[in-house]
Amino acid sequence: MIEMAVFIKNPDIVQAKDEVGPYLYNKKTGDSARIDEAMLFIWMLCDGKKNEMDIAREVAAYTGDSIDSVYPLVLNILGSLLNLGFIKRIA
């Protein structure tokens, strides 16, 4: 069985919103990135307990879409959040 990764929010990151929309801000580096609602939703689910399949299940339940249809999007967004340093892989 393949073990799935568990993700947690970087503690230096805070969520903010302005007239344009949501963004994430790194308190330590000052870096920020504009994100869409899907990225924000997935970022918020990174609690250190959920793996990518758990997150995909929650996204599917929220949107009413199938897990199979949201899973690739979830993986893509998790990859982006990892690359930006907004989440960490802990397992």
Protein backbone atom coordinates (compact mmCIF):
# COMPACT_ATOMS: atom_id res chain seq x y z
CA MET A 1 0.00 0.00 0.00
CA ILE A 2 1.29 3.47 -0.91
CA GLU A 3 1.43 5.84 2.04
CA MET A 4 -0.05 9.22 1.31
CA ALA A 5 1.47 12.52 2.35
CA VAL A 6 0.06 14.51 5.26
CA PHE A 7 0.16 18.29 4.97
CA ILE A 8 0.24 21.12 7.50
CA LYS A 9 0.08 24.87 7.07
CA ASN A 10 3.37 26.72 7.47
CA PRO A 11 2.93 28.54 10.83
CA ASP A 12 4.51 31.70 9.37
CA ILE A 13 1.66 32.04 6.86
CA VAL A 14 -1.45 34.10 7.49
CA GLN A 15 -4.57 34.47 5.41
CA ALA A 16 -5.61 37.93 4.31
CA LYS A 17 -8.17 39.44 1.98
CA ASP A 18 -8.40 42.79 0.28
CA GLU A 19 -10.64 44.35 -2.36
CA VAL A 20 -9.10 42.08 -5.02
CA GLY A 21 -9.56 38.83 -3.09
CA PRO A 22 -7.73 36.39 -0.82
CA TYR A 23 -3.99 36.05 -0.51
CA LEU A 24 -1.52 34.30 1.77
CA TYR A 25 1.25 36.25 3.48
CA ASN A 26 4.49 34.97 5.01
CA LYS A 27 5.11 36.95 8.23
CA LYS A 28 8.76 35.89 8.31
CA THR A 29 9.81 36.71 4.74
CA GLY A 30 7.20 39.28 3.72
CA ASP A 31 6.36 37.23 0.63
CA SER A 32 2.75 36.99 -0.42
CA ALA A 33 0.78 35.34 -3.17
CA ARG A 34 -2.68 35.95 -4.51
CA ILE A 35 -4.76 32.77 -4.33
CA ASP A 36 -8.20 31.75 -5.52
CA GLU A 37 -10.99 30.35 -3.37
CA ALA A 38 -10.10 26.73 -4.25
CA MET A 39 -6.52 27.22 -3.09
CA LEU A 40 -7.69 28.91 0.09
CA PHE A 41 -10.15 26.09 0.84
CA ILE A 42 -7.45 23.44 0.36
CA TRP A 43 -4.86 25.43 2.35
CA MET A 44 -7.32 25.63 5.24
CA LEU A 45 -7.73 21.83 5.18
CA CYS A 46 -3.97 21.29 5.72
CA ASP A 47 -4.18 20.64 9.45
CA GLY A 48 -1.40 18.10 9.92
CA LYS A 49 -3.90 15.24 10.05
CA LYS A 50 -5.25 15.02 6.50
CA ASN A 51 -3.53 13.41 3.53
CA GLU A 52 -4.27 14.26 -0.09
CA MET A 53 -7.13 11.74 -0.30
CA ASP A 54 -8.77 13.13 2.85
CA ILE A 55 -8.52 16.61 1.37
CA ALA A 56 -9.93 15.41 -1.96
CA ARG A 57 -12.87 13.81 -0.11
CA GLU A 58 -13.64 17.08 1.67
CA VAL A 59 -13.37 19.07 -1.57
CA ALA A 60 -15.66 16.57 -3.32
CA ALA A 61 -18.19 16.73 -0.49
CA TYR A 62 -18.15 20.52 -0.59
CA THR A 63 -18.46 20.83 -4.37
CA GLY A 64 -20.67 17.82 -5.04
CA ASP A 65 -18.14 16.54 -7.58
CA SER A 66 -16.67 13.04 -7.55
CA ILE A 67 -13.40 12.34 -5.76
CA ASP A 68 -11.96 11.12 -9.07
CA SER A 69 -12.68 14.46 -10.70
CA VAL A 70 -11.28 16.66 -7.90
CA TYR A 71 -8.24 14.55 -6.98
CA PRO A 72 -5.99 15.82 -9.83
CA LEU A 73 -6.91 19.43 -8.98
CA VAL A 74 -6.18 18.82 -5.29
CA LEU A 75 -2.75 17.37 -6.13
CA ASN A 76 -2.00 20.34 -8.40
CA ILE A 77 -2.98 22.87 -5.75
CA LEU A 78 -1.08 21.03 -3.00
CA GLY A 79 2.00 21.08 -5.26
CA SER A 80 1.62 24.82 -5.80
CA LEU A 81 1.16 25.47 -2.07
CA LEU A 82 4.25 23.36 -1.33
CA ASN A 83 6.32 25.21 -3.95
CA LEU A 84 5.24 28.57 -2.52
CA GLY A 85 6.18 27.42 0.99
CA PHE A 86 2.64 27.85 2.31
CA ILE A 87 2.33 24.23 3.47
CA LYS A 88 4.73 21.53 4.54
CA ARG A 89 4.67 17.80 4.02
CA ILE A 90 4.98 16.10 7.41
CA ALA A 91 4.52 12.43 6.52
